[in-house]
């Protein structure tokens, strides 16, 4: 069901990568073609002005979805519908140093989207806008003449945010924007992003491997495993009543200062290869609740099963 105020709709999204050996090698060694399913039938919607977080272990397809939504990768199948101006979609990358040109001064870096989207902008207008944006993200206008190497990691991420804001976006894709930062700096950047969302009415697709980071950022959380969304709930509901065994395992990894000695289930096994995923539910080799149905049938999020919040036979059958 489509939400009337959705700014982004993603339907049955798939992205496949051909990772086969060269044709001659396959012929001589009699090997089949190998296809990696990075994103495998993903559906979600994001309301205007809200934050949806995609969480999961490394390799589950989160960053691929970020590149699909921003147009850096074309989808192999499915649909991405953006109800707004495509030019007003920007991205904040994981590594703030790698995403900033080390040979450019900060002023030029921040002004680049402005000059690209509005080439009629004069030098004086661009300089004034850069100074304004630096102030908005908590830096000094005099920082415009410096190079990225002169800043700390947190300051470089503020520069990345200022660059994203230069295009006057309405939708921001944030790909692990704080994972390369110290914990105290993470909190500062997250608080800045929350403030900017309120002031400018921004919508975020926030990608992280850490549920504790997105707890205070997201209105809704989608948990990904091996290219699929296995659970999607409002943030408060997910933390209060996680429905999927994988979500429960992720939550058990979060330290709790109020209950440091609580019983916790360790993460079992490794994520299977997306080139040769297991049959049935892809999580069943690591799931303590898996039965024969889980090993042969693939669950999906459908409206008749808990309102489409979870793809899990154990949850559907009341085994959790």
C-alpha atoms as a PDB file:
ATOM      1  CA  UNK A   1       0.000   0.000   0.000  1.00  0.00           C
ATOM      2  CA  UNK A   2       1.385   3.376  -1.027  1.00  0.00           C
ATOM      3  CA  UNK A   3       1.597   6.116   1.560  1.00  0.00           C
ATOM      4  CA  UNK A   4       0.161   9.383   0.297  1.00  0.00           C
ATOM      5  CA  UNK A   5       3.061  11.394   1.710  1.00  0.00           C
ATOM      6  CA  UNK A   6       5.869   9.050   0.605  1.00  0.00           C
ATOM      7  CA  UNK A   7       8.819  10.825  -1.017  1.00  0.00           C
ATOM      8  CA  UNK A   8      10.436   7.534  -2.077  1.00  0.00           C
ATOM      9  CA  UNK A   9       8.915   4.195  -3.062  1.00  0.00           C
ATOM     10  CA  UNK A  10      11.016   1.112  -3.753  1.00  0.00           C
ATOM     11  CA  UNK A  11       9.256  -1.939  -5.198  1.00  0.00           C
ATOM     12  CA  UNK A  12      10.762  -5.414  -5.759  1.00  0.00           C
ATOM     13  CA  UNK A  13      14.204  -3.863  -6.179  1.00  0.00           C
ATOM     14  CA  UNK A  14      16.975  -6.162  -7.362  1.00  0.00           C
ATOM     15  CA  UNK A  15      20.618  -5.672  -8.222  1.00  0.00           C
ATOM     16  CA  UNK A  16      22.699  -8.507  -9.622  1.00  0.00           C
ATOM     17  CA  UNK A  17      26.409  -8.474 -10.422  1.00  0.00           C
ATOM     18  CA  UNK A  18      28.043 -10.924 -12.831  1.00  0.00           C
ATOM     19  CA  UNK A  19      31.136 -12.174 -10.997  1.00  0.00           C
ATOM     20  CA  UNK A  20      31.892 -15.005 -13.414  1.00  0.00           C
ATOM     21  CA  UNK A  21      35.371 -15.886 -14.549  1.00  0.00           C
ATOM     22  CA  UNK A  22      36.286 -14.770 -18.097  1.00  0.00           C
ATOM     23  CA  UNK A  23      34.516 -16.656 -20.881  1.00  0.00           C
ATOM     24  CA  UNK A  24      37.580 -18.654 -21.952  1.00  0.00           C
ATOM     25  CA  UNK A  25      38.325 -19.747 -18.367  1.00  0.00           C
ATOM     26  CA  UNK A  26      34.731 -20.926 -17.934  1.00  0.00           C
ATOM     27  CA  UNK A  27      34.951 -22.854 -21.190  1.00  0.00           C
ATOM     28  CA  UNK A  28      38.249 -24.567 -20.384  1.00  0.00           C
ATOM     29  CA  UNK A  29      37.371 -25.324 -16.764  1.00  0.00           C
ATOM     30  CA  UNK A  30      33.708 -26.127 -17.475  1.00  0.00           C
ATOM     31  CA  UNK A  31      32.493 -23.623 -14.877  1.00  0.00           C
ATOM     32  CA  UNK A  32      29.023 -22.027 -14.880  1.00  0.00           C
ATOM     33  CA  UNK A  33      28.299 -18.312 -14.836  1.00  0.00           C
ATOM     34  CA  UNK A  34      28.251 -16.864 -11.285  1.00  0.00           C
ATOM     35  CA  UNK A  35      25.806 -14.137 -10.307  1.00  0.00           C
ATOM     36  CA  UNK A  36      25.896 -12.219  -7.029  1.00  0.00           C
ATOM     37  CA  UNK A  37      22.482 -11.041  -5.809  1.00  0.00           C
ATOM     38  CA  UNK A  38      23.399  -7.963  -3.781  1.00  0.00           C
ATOM     39  CA  UNK A  39      19.787  -6.777  -3.498  1.00  0.00           C
ATOM     40  CA  UNK A  40      17.050  -9.383  -3.794  1.00  0.00           C
ATOM     41  CA  UNK A  41      13.468  -8.107  -3.968  1.00  0.00           C
ATOM     42  CA  UNK A  42      13.496  -5.143  -1.577  1.00  0.00           C
ATOM     43  CA  UNK A  43      10.373  -3.052  -0.858  1.00  0.00           C
ATOM     44  CA  UNK A  44      10.095   0.049   1.314  1.00  0.00           C
ATOM     45  CA  UNK A  45       8.727   3.590   1.418  1.00  0.00           C
ATOM     46  CA  UNK A  46       9.958   6.713   3.192  1.00  0.00           C
ATOM     47  CA  UNK A  47       7.640   9.481   4.332  1.00  0.00           C
ATOM     48  CA  UNK A  48       8.621  13.056   3.600  1.00  0.00           C
ATOM     49  CA  UNK A  49      10.561  14.559   6.505  1.00  0.00           C
ATOM     50  CA  UNK A  50      11.201  11.174   8.166  1.00  0.00           C
ATOM     51  CA  UNK A  51      14.226   8.885   8.557  1.00  0.00           C
ATOM     52  CA  UNK A  52      14.330   5.248   7.505  1.00  0.00           C
ATOM     53  CA  UNK A  53      17.384   3.316   8.687  1.00  0.00           C
ATOM     54  CA  UNK A  54      18.732   0.253   6.890  1.00  0.00           C
ATOM     55  CA  UNK A  55      20.741  -1.913   9.276  1.00  0.00           C
ATOM     56  CA  UNK A  56      22.531  -5.230   9.020  1.00  0.00           C
ATOM     57  CA  UNK A  57      25.930  -6.878   8.925  1.00  0.00           C
ATOM     58  CA  UNK A  58      28.531  -5.995   6.301  1.00  0.00           C
ATOM     59  CA  UNK A  59      27.696  -7.445   2.902  1.00  0.00           C
ATOM     60  CA  UNK A  60      23.917  -7.483   3.349  1.00  0.00           C
ATOM     61  CA  UNK A  61      23.291  -4.995   0.522  1.00  0.00           C
ATOM     62  CA  UNK A  62      22.783  -1.712   2.403  1.00  0.00           C
ATOM     63  CA  UNK A  63      25.344   0.342   0.484  1.00  0.00           C
ATOM     64  CA  UNK A  64      24.186  -1.127  -2.830  1.00  0.00           C
ATOM     65  CA  UNK A  65      20.692   0.178  -2.094  1.00  0.00           C
ATOM     66  CA  UNK A  66      22.208   3.610  -1.375  1.00  0.00           C
ATOM     67  CA  UNK A  67      23.879   3.596  -4.800  1.00  0.00           C
ATOM     68  CA  UNK A  68      20.691   2.403  -6.487  1.00  0.00           C
ATOM     69  CA  UNK A  69      18.581   5.140  -4.895  1.00  0.00           C
ATOM     70  CA  UNK A  70      21.074   7.855  -5.874  1.00  0.00           C
ATOM     71  CA  UNK A  71      21.449   6.519  -9.423  1.00  0.00           C
ATOM     72  CA  UNK A  72      25.079   5.408  -9.075  1.00  0.00           C
ATOM     73  CA  UNK A  73      23.952   1.868 -10.014  1.00  0.00           C
ATOM     74  CA  UNK A  74      21.045   1.003 -12.312  1.00  0.00           C
ATOM     75  CA  UNK A  75      18.627  -1.597 -10.898  1.00  0.00           C
ATOM     76  CA  UNK A  76      18.583  -5.065 -12.458  1.00  0.00           C
ATOM     77  CA  UNK A  77      14.855  -5.279 -11.784  1.00  0.00           C
ATOM     78  CA  UNK A  78      12.134  -3.545  -9.793  1.00  0.00           C
ATOM     79  CA  UNK A  79      11.240   0.123  -9.510  1.00  0.00           C
ATOM     80  CA  UNK A  80      12.450   3.236  -7.667  1.00  0.00           C
ATOM     81  CA  UNK A  81       9.934   6.096  -7.657  1.00  0.00           C
ATOM     82  CA  UNK A  82      11.034   9.438  -6.269  1.00  0.00           C
ATOM     83  CA  UNK A  83       8.233  11.944  -5.713  1.00  0.00           C
ATOM     84  CA  UNK A  84      10.267  15.101  -5.914  1.00  0.00           C
ATOM     85  CA  UNK A  85      13.083  16.797  -7.806  1.00  0.00           C
ATOM     86  CA  UNK A  86      15.820  14.285  -8.668  1.00  0.00           C
ATOM     87  CA  UNK A  87      18.379  17.105  -8.609  1.00  0.00           C
ATOM     88  CA  UNK A  88      17.607  17.559  -4.918  1.00  0.00           C
ATOM     89  CA  UNK A  89      18.930  14.115  -3.906  1.00  0.00           C
ATOM     90  CA  UNK A  90      22.367  14.155  -2.280  1.00  0.00           C
ATOM     91  CA  UNK A  91      24.598  11.616  -0.539  1.00  0.00           C
ATOM     92  CA  UNK A  92      26.867  11.677   2.499  1.00  0.00           C
ATOM     93  CA  UNK A  93      29.583   9.027   2.247  1.00  0.00           C
ATOM     94  CA  UNK A  94      31.164   6.826   4.911  1.00  0.00           C
ATOM     95  CA  UNK A  95      34.749   8.070   4.738  1.00  0.00           C
ATOM     96  CA  UNK A  96      34.801  11.867   4.850  1.00  0.00           C
ATOM     97  CA  UNK A  97      38.441  12.060   3.797  1.00  0.00           C
ATOM     98  CA  UNK A  98      38.126   9.754   0.783  1.00  0.00           C
ATOM     99  CA  UNK A  99      35.039  11.604  -0.448  1.00  0.00           C
ATOM    100  CA  UNK A 100      36.728  15.045  -0.405  1.00  0.00           C
ATOM    101  CA  UNK A 101      39.165  16.020  -3.146  1.00  0.00           C
ATOM    102  CA  UNK A 102      42.479  16.580  -1.278  1.00  0.00           C
ATOM    103  CA  UNK A 103      43.672  19.013  -3.983  1.00  0.00           C
ATOM    104  CA  UNK A 104      40.706  21.355  -3.627  1.00  0.00           C
ATOM    105  CA  UNK A 105      40.151  23.962  -0.983  1.00  0.00           C
ATOM    106  CA  UNK A 106      37.055  23.500   1.180  1.00  0.00           C
ATOM    107  CA  UNK A 107      35.311  26.463  -0.413  1.00  0.00           C
ATOM    108  CA  UNK A 108      35.576  24.908  -3.870  1.00  0.00           C
ATOM    109  CA  UNK A 109      34.431  21.512  -2.575  1.00  0.00           C
ATOM    110  CA  UNK A 110      31.274  22.935  -1.007  1.00  0.00           C
ATOM    111  CA  UNK A 111      30.522  25.192  -3.987  1.00  0.00           C
ATOM    112  CA  UNK A 112      30.799  22.361  -6.539  1.00  0.00           C
ATOM    113  CA  UNK A 113      27.126  21.192  -6.327  1.00  0.00           C
ATOM    114  CA  UNK A 114      25.986  24.813  -6.389  1.00  0.00           C
ATOM    115  CA  UNK A 115      27.927  25.585  -9.571  1.00  0.00           C
ATOM    116  CA  UNK A 116      26.840  22.324 -11.205  1.00  0.00           C
ATOM    117  CA  UNK A 117      23.129  22.684 -10.479  1.00  0.00           C
ATOM    118  CA  UNK A 118      23.016  26.465 -10.896  1.00  0.00           C
ATOM    119  CA  UNK A 119      25.758  27.474 -13.354  1.00  0.00           C
ATOM    120  CA  UNK A 120      24.495  31.065 -13.406  1.00  0.00           C
ATOM    121  CA  UNK A 121      25.734  31.534  -9.805  1.00  0.00           C
ATOM    122  CA  UNK A 122      28.349  34.299  -9.570  1.00  0.00           C
ATOM    123  CA  UNK A 123      31.611  33.951  -7.648  1.00  0.00           C
ATOM    124  CA  UNK A 124      30.381  36.381  -4.999  1.00  0.00           C
ATOM    125  CA  UNK A 125      27.120  34.468  -4.537  1.00  0.00           C
ATOM    126  CA  UNK A 126      28.969  31.151  -4.278  1.00  0.00           C
ATOM    127  CA  UNK A 127      31.405  32.566  -1.731  1.00  0.00           C
ATOM    128  CA  UNK A 128      28.567  33.949   0.395  1.00  0.00           C
ATOM    129  CA  UNK A 129      26.683  30.643   0.236  1.00  0.00           C
ATOM    130  CA  UNK A 130      29.790  28.660   1.223  1.00  0.00           C
ATOM    131  CA  UNK A 131      30.334  30.930   4.240  1.00  0.00           C
ATOM    132  CA  UNK A 132      26.690  30.472   5.236  1.00  0.00           C
ATOM    133  CA  UNK A 133      26.874  26.684   4.933  1.00  0.00           C
ATOM    134  CA  UNK A 134      30.076  26.468   6.957  1.00  0.00           C
ATOM    135  CA  UNK A 135      28.352  28.377   9.741  1.00  0.00           C
ATOM    136  CA  UNK A 136      25.290  26.116   9.554  1.00  0.00           C
ATOM    137  CA  UNK A 137      27.417  22.987  10.157  1.00  0.00           C
ATOM    138  CA  UNK A 138      29.405  24.554  12.983  1.00  0.00           C
ATOM    139  CA  UNK A 139      32.578  25.613  11.181  1.00  0.00           C
ATOM    140  CA  UNK A 140      34.084  29.034  10.523  1.00  0.00           C
ATOM    141  CA  UNK A 141      33.704  30.846   7.180  1.00  0.00           C
ATOM    142  CA  UNK A 142      37.497  31.272   7.232  1.00  0.00           C
ATOM    143  CA  UNK A 143      37.812  27.481   6.854  1.00  0.00           C
ATOM    144  CA  UNK A 144      36.889  27.855   3.180  1.00  0.00           C
ATOM    145  CA  UNK A 145      40.519  28.535   2.204  1.00  0.00           C
ATOM    146  CA  UNK A 146      41.882  25.402   3.918  1.00  0.00           C
ATOM    147  CA  UNK A 147      42.428  21.923   2.488  1.00  0.00           C
ATOM    148  CA  UNK A 148      40.677  18.768   3.849  1.00  0.00           C
ATOM    149  CA  UNK A 149      43.857  17.425   5.493  1.00  0.00           C
ATOM    150  CA  UNK A 150      43.806  20.356   7.916  1.00  0.00           C
ATOM    151  CA  UNK A 151      40.646  19.088   9.623  1.00  0.00           C
ATOM    152  CA  UNK A 152      39.744  16.282  12.009  1.00  0.00           C
ATOM    153  CA  UNK A 153      37.488  13.419  10.953  1.00  0.00           C
ATOM    154  CA  UNK A 154      34.413  14.993  12.510  1.00  0.00           C
ATOM    155  CA  UNK A 155      35.138  18.349  10.879  1.00  0.00           C
ATOM    156  CA  UNK A 156      35.621  16.684   7.498  1.00  0.00           C
ATOM    157  CA  UNK A 157      32.231  15.025   7.850  1.00  0.00           C
ATOM    158  CA  UNK A 158      30.726  18.447   8.617  1.00  0.00           C
ATOM    159  CA  UNK A 159      32.283  19.659   5.361  1.00  0.00           C
ATOM    160  CA  UNK A 160      30.662  16.713   3.568  1.00  0.00           C
ATOM    161  CA  UNK A 161      27.314  17.672   5.071  1.00  0.00           C
ATOM    162  CA  UNK A 162      27.795  21.299   4.005  1.00  0.00           C
ATOM    163  CA  UNK A 163      28.558  20.126   0.463  1.00  0.00           C
ATOM    164  CA  UNK A 164      25.380  18.040   0.454  1.00  0.00           C
ATOM    165  CA  UNK A 165      23.344  21.017   1.658  1.00  0.00           C
ATOM    166  CA  UNK A 166      24.752  23.254  -1.087  1.00  0.00           C
ATOM    167  CA  UNK A 167      22.363  21.695  -3.603  1.00  0.00           C
ATOM    168  CA  UNK A 168      19.364  22.514  -1.365  1.00  0.00           C
ATOM    169  CA  UNK A 169      18.379  18.827  -1.093  1.00  0.00           C
ATOM    170  CA  UNK A 170      15.111  17.438   0.130  1.00  0.00           C
ATOM    171  CA  UNK A 171      16.373  13.846   0.346  1.00  0.00           C
ATOM    172  CA  UNK A 172      19.746  12.703   1.750  1.00  0.00           C
ATOM    173  CA  UNK A 173      21.220   9.213   1.533  1.00  0.00           C
ATOM    174  CA  UNK A 174      23.597   8.787   4.485  1.00  0.00           C
ATOM    175  CA  UNK A 175      25.868   5.764   4.001  1.00  0.00           C
ATOM    176  CA  UNK A 176      27.453   4.946   7.373  1.00  0.00           C
ATOM    177  CA  UNK A 177      28.159   8.676   7.959  1.00  0.00           C
ATOM    178  CA  UNK A 178      29.583   8.214  11.469  1.00  0.00           C
ATOM    179  CA  UNK A 179      31.212   4.766  11.403  1.00  0.00           C
ATOM    180  CA  UNK A 180      34.705   6.231  10.808  1.00  0.00           C
ATOM    181  CA  UNK A 181      34.407   8.654  13.738  1.00  0.00           C
ATOM    182  CA  UNK A 182      35.084   8.421  17.471  1.00  0.00           C
ATOM    183  CA  UNK A 183      32.032   7.791  19.647  1.00  0.00           C
ATOM    184  CA  UNK A 184      31.923  11.316  21.096  1.00  0.00           C
ATOM    185  CA  UNK A 185      32.260  12.832  17.624  1.00  0.00           C
ATOM    186  CA  UNK A 186      29.570  10.472  16.322  1.00  0.00           C
ATOM    187  CA  UNK A 187      27.093  11.974  18.785  1.00  0.00           C
ATOM    188  CA  UNK A 188      27.944  15.510  17.669  1.00  0.00           C
ATOM    189  CA  UNK A 189      27.465  14.698  13.977  1.00  0.00           C
ATOM    190  CA  UNK A 190      24.213  12.816  14.628  1.00  0.00           C
ATOM    191  CA  UNK A 191      22.843  15.717  16.672  1.00  0.00           C
ATOM    192  CA  UNK A 192      23.808  18.078  13.843  1.00  0.00           C
ATOM    193  CA  UNK A 193      21.970  15.919  11.320  1.00  0.00           C
ATOM    194  CA  UNK A 194      18.852  15.817  13.506  1.00  0.00           C
ATOM    195  CA  UNK A 195      18.913  19.607  13.836  1.00  0.00           C
ATOM    196  CA  UNK A 196      19.318  20.100  10.097  1.00  0.00           C
ATOM    197  CA  UNK A 197      16.431  17.721   9.450  1.00  0.00           C
ATOM    198  CA  UNK A 198      14.148  19.825  11.643  1.00  0.00           C
ATOM    199  CA  UNK A 199      15.312  23.149  10.203  1.00  0.00           C
ATOM    200  CA  UNK A 200      15.216  22.211   6.514  1.00  0.00           C
ATOM    201  CA  UNK A 201      12.555  19.473   6.441  1.00  0.00           C
ATOM    202  CA  UNK A 202      15.011  16.870   5.164  1.00  0.00           C
ATOM    203  CA  UNK A 203      14.252  13.213   4.548  1.00  0.00           C
ATOM    204  CA  UNK A 204      16.982  10.669   5.337  1.00  0.00           C
ATOM    205  CA  UNK A 205      17.782   7.159   4.194  1.00  0.00           C
ATOM    206  CA  UNK A 206      20.258   6.318   6.947  1.00  0.00           C
ATOM    207  CA  UNK A 207      22.478   3.273   6.499  1.00  0.00           C
ATOM    208  CA  UNK A 208      24.324   1.669   9.388  1.00  0.00           C
ATOM    209  CA  UNK A 209      25.486  -1.679  10.761  1.00  0.00           C
ATOM    210  CA  UNK A 210      24.878  -0.478  14.327  1.00  0.00           C
ATOM    211  CA  UNK A 211      21.366  -0.491  15.806  1.00  0.00           C
ATOM    212  CA  UNK A 212      22.505   1.614  18.755  1.00  0.00           C
ATOM    213  CA  UNK A 213      23.486   4.428  16.363  1.00  0.00           C
ATOM    214  CA  UNK A 214      20.156   4.538  14.531  1.00  0.00           C
ATOM    215  CA  UNK A 215      18.022   4.196  17.654  1.00  0.00           C
ATOM    216  CA  UNK A 216      17.862   7.964  18.179  1.00  0.00           C
ATOM    217  CA  UNK A 217      18.037   8.872  14.471  1.00  0.00           C
ATOM    218  CA  UNK A 218      15.391   6.784  12.745  1.00  0.00           C
ATOM    219  CA  UNK A 219      11.608   6.881  12.748  1.00  0.00           C
ATOM    220  CA  UNK A 220      11.543   3.418  11.180  1.00  0.00           C
ATOM    221  CA  UNK A 221      14.130   0.646  10.898  1.00  0.00           C
ATOM    222  CA  UNK A 222      14.479  -1.970   8.169  1.00  0.00           C
ATOM    223  CA  UNK A 223      16.702  -4.927   9.079  1.00  0.00           C
ATOM    224  CA  UNK A 224      18.514  -6.467   6.097  1.00  0.00           C
ATOM    225  CA  UNK A 225      20.004  -9.915   5.735  1.00  0.00           C
ATOM    226  CA  UNK A 226      21.653 -11.244   2.573  1.00  0.00           C
ATOM    227  CA  UNK A 227      20.031  -8.731   0.237  1.00  0.00           C
ATOM    228  CA  UNK A 228      16.518  -8.850   1.699  1.00  0.00           C
ATOM    229  CA  UNK A 229      14.571  -6.927   4.340  1.00  0.00           C
ATOM    230  CA  UNK A 230      13.613  -9.455   7.018  1.00  0.00           C
ATOM    231  CA  UNK A 231      11.942  -7.013   9.419  1.00  0.00           C
ATOM    232  CA  UNK A 232      10.649  -3.461   9.239  1.00  0.00           C
ATOM    233  CA  UNK A 233       9.078  -1.644  12.181  1.00  0.00           C
ATOM    234  CA  UNK A 234       8.845   1.791  13.785  1.00  0.00           C
ATOM    235  CA  UNK A 235      11.973   2.253  15.888  1.00  0.00           C
ATOM    236  CA  UNK A 236      10.285   2.114  19.289  1.00  0.00           C
ATOM    237  CA  UNK A 237       8.338  -1.037  18.333  1.00  0.00           C
ATOM    238  CA  UNK A 238      11.418  -2.805  17.003  1.00  0.00           C
ATOM    239  CA  UNK A 239      13.390  -2.232  20.192  1.00  0.00           C
ATOM    240  CA  UNK A 240      10.432  -3.123  22.411  1.00  0.00           C
ATOM    241  CA  UNK A 241       9.323  -6.206  20.483  1.00  0.00           C
ATOM    242  CA  UNK A 242      11.753  -7.484  17.814  1.00  0.00           C
ATOM    243  CA  UNK A 243      10.014 -10.082  15.659  1.00  0.00           C
ATOM    244  CA  UNK A 244      12.802 -11.741  13.674  1.00  0.00           C
ATOM    245  CA  UNK A 245      15.471 -13.968  15.295  1.00  0.00           C
ATOM    246  CA  UNK A 246      18.165 -12.061  13.401  1.00  0.00           C
ATOM    247  CA  UNK A 247      16.960  -8.733  14.795  1.00  0.00           C
ATOM    248  CA  UNK A 248      17.085 -10.222  18.287  1.00  0.00           C
ATOM    249  CA  UNK A 249      20.657 -11.353  17.705  1.00  0.00           C
ATOM    250  CA  UNK A 250      21.631  -7.853  16.574  1.00  0.00           C
ATOM    251  CA  UNK A 251      19.999  -6.295  19.630  1.00  0.00           C
ATOM    252  CA  UNK A 252      21.859  -8.715  21.891  1.00  0.00           C
ATOM    253  CA  UNK A 253      25.164  -7.277  20.652  1.00  0.00           C
ATOM    254  CA  UNK A 254      24.319  -3.804  22.052  1.00  0.00           C
ATOM    255  CA  UNK A 255      25.884  -3.215  25.500  1.00  0.00           C
ATOM    256  CA  UNK A 256      23.349  -2.396  28.236  1.00  0.00           C
ATOM    257  CA  UNK A 257      24.791  -0.469  31.184  1.00  0.00           C
ATOM    258  CA  UNK A 258      21.652  -1.114  33.243  1.00  0.00           C
ATOM    259  CA  UNK A 259      21.869  -4.881  32.711  1.00  0.00           C
ATOM    260  CA  UNK A 260      25.550  -5.669  32.066  1.00  0.00           C
ATOM    261  CA  UNK A 261      25.200  -9.310  33.138  1.00  0.00           C
ATOM    262  CA  UNK A 262      22.040 -10.149  31.207  1.00  0.00           C
ATOM    263  CA  UNK A 263      21.883 -13.389  29.244  1.00  0.00           C
ATOM    264  CA  UNK A 264      22.802 -12.738  25.648  1.00  0.00           C
ATOM    265  CA  UNK A 265      22.787 -15.053  22.642  1.00  0.00           C
ATOM    266  CA  UNK A 266      26.084 -14.860  20.746  1.00  0.00           C
ATOM    267  CA  UNK A 267      26.047 -14.310  16.980  1.00  0.00           C
ATOM    268  CA  UNK A 268      26.186 -17.766  15.421  1.00  0.00           C
ATOM    269  CA  UNK A 269      28.007 -18.659  12.210  1.00  0.00           C
ATOM    270  CA  UNK A 270      28.882 -16.484   9.241  1.00  0.00           C
ATOM    271  CA  UNK A 271      26.771 -14.722   6.647  1.00  0.00           C
ATOM    272  CA  UNK A 272      26.337 -17.124   3.673  1.00  0.00           C
ATOM    273  CA  UNK A 273      27.665 -16.151   0.258  1.00  0.00           C
ATOM    274  CA  UNK A 274      25.189 -14.113  -1.814  1.00  0.00           C
ATOM    275  CA  UNK A 275      26.536 -15.975  -4.852  1.00  0.00           C
ATOM    276  CA  UNK A 276      25.263 -19.312  -3.497  1.00  0.00           C
ATOM    277  CA  UNK A 277      22.655 -18.516  -0.812  1.00  0.00           C
ATOM    278  CA  UNK A 278      21.109 -21.395   1.140  1.00  0.00           C
ATOM    279  CA  UNK A 279      17.691 -22.677   0.056  1.00  0.00           C
ATOM    280  CA  UNK A 280      14.578 -21.581   1.902  1.00  0.00           C
ATOM    281  CA  UNK A 281      15.093 -18.843   4.473  1.00  0.00           C
ATOM    282  CA  UNK A 282      18.621 -17.507   4.004  1.00  0.00           C
ATOM    283  CA  UNK A 283      18.991 -17.107   7.777  1.00  0.00           C
ATOM    284  CA  UNK A 284      18.138 -20.718   8.663  1.00  0.00           C
ATOM    285  CA  UNK A 285      21.785 -21.980   8.983  1.00  0.00           C
ATOM    286  CA  UNK A 286      22.283 -19.500  11.862  1.00  0.00           C
ATOM    287  CA  UNK A 287      18.786 -19.542  13.348  1.00  0.00           C
ATOM    288  CA  UNK A 288      18.103 -21.481  16.589  1.00  0.00           C
ATOM    289  CA  UNK A 289      14.391 -21.707  15.674  1.00  0.00           C
ATOM    290  CA  UNK A 290      14.729 -23.083  12.139  1.00  0.00           C
ATOM    291  CA  UNK A 291      12.633 -26.121  11.170  1.00  0.00           C
ATOM    292  CA  UNK A 292      12.113 -28.076   7.954  1.00  0.00           C
ATOM    293  CA  UNK A 293       9.831 -25.410   6.486  1.00  0.00           C
ATOM    294  CA  UNK A 294      12.505 -22.766   7.006  1.00  0.00           C
ATOM    295  CA  UNK A 295      15.016 -24.927   5.134  1.00  0.00           C
ATOM    296  CA  UNK A 296      12.832 -25.368   2.043  1.00  0.00           C
ATOM    297  CA  UNK A 297      10.490 -22.347   1.739  1.00  0.00           C
ATOM    298  CA  UNK A 298      11.473 -18.689   1.519  1.00  0.00           C
ATOM    299  CA  UNK A 299       9.438 -16.365   3.766  1.00  0.00           C
ATOM    300  CA  UNK A 300       8.358 -12.938   2.585  1.00  0.00           C
ATOM    301  CA  UNK A 301       6.888  -9.809   4.141  1.00  0.00           C
ATOM    302  CA  UNK A 302       3.208  -9.875   3.245  1.00  0.00           C
ATOM    303  CA  UNK A 303       0.284  -7.922   4.669  1.00  0.00           C
ATOM    304  CA  UNK A 304      -1.430 -11.053   6.018  1.00  0.00           C
ATOM    305  CA  UNK A 305       1.631 -11.900   8.179  1.00  0.00           C
ATOM    306  CA  UNK A 306       1.882  -9.349  10.991  1.00  0.00           C
ATOM    307  CA  UNK A 307       1.014  -6.491   8.663  1.00  0.00           C
ATOM    308  CA  UNK A 308       4.096  -7.039   6.508  1.00  0.00           C
ATOM    309  CA  UNK A 309       6.465  -6.251   9.361  1.00  0.00           C
ATOM    310  CA  UNK A 310       8.495  -9.475   9.281  1.00  0.00           C
ATOM    311  CA  UNK A 311       9.532 -12.283   6.943  1.00  0.00           C
ATOM    312  CA  UNK A 312       9.843 -15.249   9.289  1.00  0.00           C
ATOM    313  CA  UNK A 313       7.963 -18.534   9.619  1.00  0.00           C
ATOM    314  CA  UNK A 314       8.831 -18.782  13.320  1.00  0.00           C
ATOM    315  CA  UNK A 315       7.169 -15.409  13.964  1.00  0.00           C
ATOM    316  CA  UNK A 316       4.230 -16.312  11.723  1.00  0.00           C
ATOM    317  CA  UNK A 317       3.661 -19.621  13.516  1.00  0.00           C
ATOM    318  CA  UNK A 318       4.172 -18.216  17.028  1.00  0.00           C
ATOM    319  CA  UNK A 319       7.386 -20.159  17.683  1.00  0.00           C
ATOM    320  CA  UNK A 320       9.176 -17.078  18.995  1.00  0.00           C
END
